[in-house]
C-alpha atoms as a PDB file:
ATOM      1  CA  MET A   1      96.704 112.765  76.529  1.00  0.00           C
ATOM      2  CA  SER A   2      93.963 114.219  78.624  1.00  0.00           C
ATOM      3  CA  LYS A   3      94.542 117.356  80.671  1.00  0.00           C
ATOM      4  CA  ALA A   4      94.274 115.360  83.893  1.00  0.00           C
ATOM      5  CA  TYR A   5      96.938 112.868  82.821  1.00  0.00           C
ATOM      6  CA  ARG A   6      99.264 115.640  81.658  1.00  0.00           C
ATOM      7  CA  SER A   7      98.805 117.406  84.984  1.00  0.00           C
ATOM      8  CA  LYS A   8      99.520 114.215  86.919  1.00  0.00           C
ATOM      9  CA  THR A   9     102.605 113.532  84.806  1.00  0.00           C
ATOM     10  CA  LEU A  10     103.999 117.027  85.334  1.00  0.00           C
ATOM     11  CA  THR A  11     103.336 116.873  89.079  1.00  0.00           C
ATOM     12  CA  THR A  12     105.077 113.498  89.247  1.00  0.00           C
ATOM     13  CA  LEU A  13     108.066 114.819  87.279  1.00  0.00           C
ATOM     14  CA  LYS A  14     108.280 117.709  89.731  1.00  0.00           C
ATOM     15  CA  ASN A  15     108.381 115.229  92.634  1.00  0.00           C
ATOM     16  CA  LEU A  16     110.987 113.113  90.853  1.00  0.00           C
ATOM     17  CA  SER A  17     113.151 116.172  90.247  1.00  0.00           C
ATOM     18  CA  LYS A  18     113.003 116.988  93.955  1.00  0.00           C
ATOM     19  CA  PHE A  19     114.011 113.416  94.777  1.00  0.00           C
ATOM     20  CA  LEU A  20     116.916 113.613  92.308  1.00  0.00           C
ATOM     21  CA  GLY A  21     118.159 116.925  93.652  1.00  0.00           C
ATOM     22  CA  LYS A  22     120.270 117.795  90.609  1.00  0.00           C
ATOM     23  CA  SER A  23     120.048 118.219  86.871  1.00  0.00           C
ATOM     24  CA  TRP A  24     118.731 115.282  84.881  1.00  0.00           C
ATOM     25  CA  ARG A  25     121.711 115.730  82.545  1.00  0.00           C
ATOM     26  CA  ASP A  26     124.052 114.851  85.404  1.00  0.00           C
ATOM     27  CA  ALA A  27     122.033 111.859  86.634  1.00  0.00           C
ATOM     28  CA  THR A  28     123.822 108.525  86.818  1.00  0.00           C
ATOM     29  CA  LYS A  29     122.456 105.021  87.176  1.00  0.00           C
ATOM     30  CA  GLU A  30     123.161 105.196  90.906  1.00  0.00           C
ATOM     31  CA  ASP A  31     121.205 108.460  91.165  1.00  0.00           C
ATOM     32  CA  ILE A  32     118.191 106.833  89.510  1.00  0.00           C
ATOM     33  CA  GLU A  33     118.426 103.881  91.902  1.00  0.00           C
ATOM     34  CA  ILE A  34     118.403 106.345  94.809  1.00  0.00           C
ATOM     35  CA  VAL A  35     115.320 108.036  93.346  1.00  0.00           C
ATOM     36  CA  VAL A  36     113.556 104.655  93.118  1.00  0.00           C
ATOM     37  CA  ARG A  37     114.445 103.944  96.764  1.00  0.00           C
ATOM     38  CA  LYS A  38     113.067 107.340  97.765  1.00  0.00           C
ATOM     39  CA  ILE A  39     109.868 106.614  95.834  1.00  0.00           C
ATOM     40  CA  MET A  40     109.424 103.315  97.657  1.00  0.00           C
ATOM     41  CA  ASP A  41     110.256 104.851 101.054  1.00  0.00           C
ATOM     42  CA  THR A  42     107.805 107.683 100.496  1.00  0.00           C
ATOM     43  CA  TYR A  43     104.871 106.023  98.729  1.00  0.00           C
ATOM     44  CA  SER A  44     104.860 102.292  99.540  1.00  0.00           C
ATOM     45  CA  ASN A  45     102.657 101.070 102.366  1.00  0.00           C
ATOM     46  CA  ASP A  46     103.916 100.107 105.821  1.00  0.00           C
ATOM     47  CA  SER A  47     104.652  96.512 104.810  1.00  0.00           C
ATOM     48  CA  GLY A  48     106.773  97.663 101.857  1.00  0.00           C
ATOM     49  CA  GLN A  49     104.230  96.732  99.204  1.00  0.00           C
ATOM     50  CA  GLU A  50     104.020  98.958  96.183  1.00  0.00           C
ATOM     51  CA  SER A  51     101.114 101.393  96.060  1.00  0.00           C
ATOM     52  CA  ASN A  52      99.447 102.855  93.000  1.00  0.00           C
ATOM     53  CA  THR A  53     101.383 106.075  93.577  1.00  0.00           C
ATOM     54  CA  SER A  54     104.777 104.359  93.792  1.00  0.00           C
ATOM     55  CA  TYR A  55     103.951 102.350  90.661  1.00  0.00           C
ATOM     56  CA  ASP A  56     102.921 105.500  88.773  1.00  0.00           C
ATOM     57  CA  HIS A  57     106.049 107.386  89.859  1.00  0.00           C
ATOM     58  CA  LYS A  58     108.327 104.573  88.717  1.00  0.00           C
ATOM     59  CA  LYS A  59     106.445 104.196  85.427  1.00  0.00           C
ATOM     60  CA  ILE A  60     106.707 107.912  84.661  1.00  0.00           C
ATOM     61  CA  LEU A  61     110.381 107.943  85.728  1.00  0.00           C
ATOM     62  CA  LYS A  62     111.133 105.111  83.297  1.00  0.00           C
ATOM     63  CA  LEU A  63     109.285 106.750  80.402  1.00  0.00           C
ATOM     64  CA  PHE A  64     110.784 110.175  81.077  1.00  0.00           C
ATOM     65  CA  PHE A  65     114.349 108.962  81.506  1.00  0.00           C
ATOM     66  CA  ARG A  66     114.218 106.897  78.295  1.00  0.00           C
ATOM     67  CA  TRP A  67     112.866 109.888  76.402  1.00  0.00           C
ATOM     68  CA  PHE A  68     115.383 112.232  78.005  1.00  0.00           C
ATOM     69  CA  LYS A  69     118.400 110.025  77.255  1.00  0.00           C
ATOM     70  CA  LEU A  70     117.322 109.593  73.612  1.00  0.00           C
ATOM     71  CA  GLY A  71     117.167 113.363  73.198  1.00  0.00           C
ATOM     72  CA  SER A  72     120.588 113.955  74.736  1.00  0.00           C
END
């Protein structure tokens, strides 16, 4: 991965952690659904359509959570 992509990924994970508000180890399915709602509320446009930022956040959340759960 390029340095720029790694930086973007880490920044996104930081935002996702703030949205979650607790340890990833304690996250439940409902917590992840709340995070996705917060992503859409924060980053989608006024008509509710997904933006590039909301798409990227959800993509990174999915990849991270799959990786995290496999390692647990």
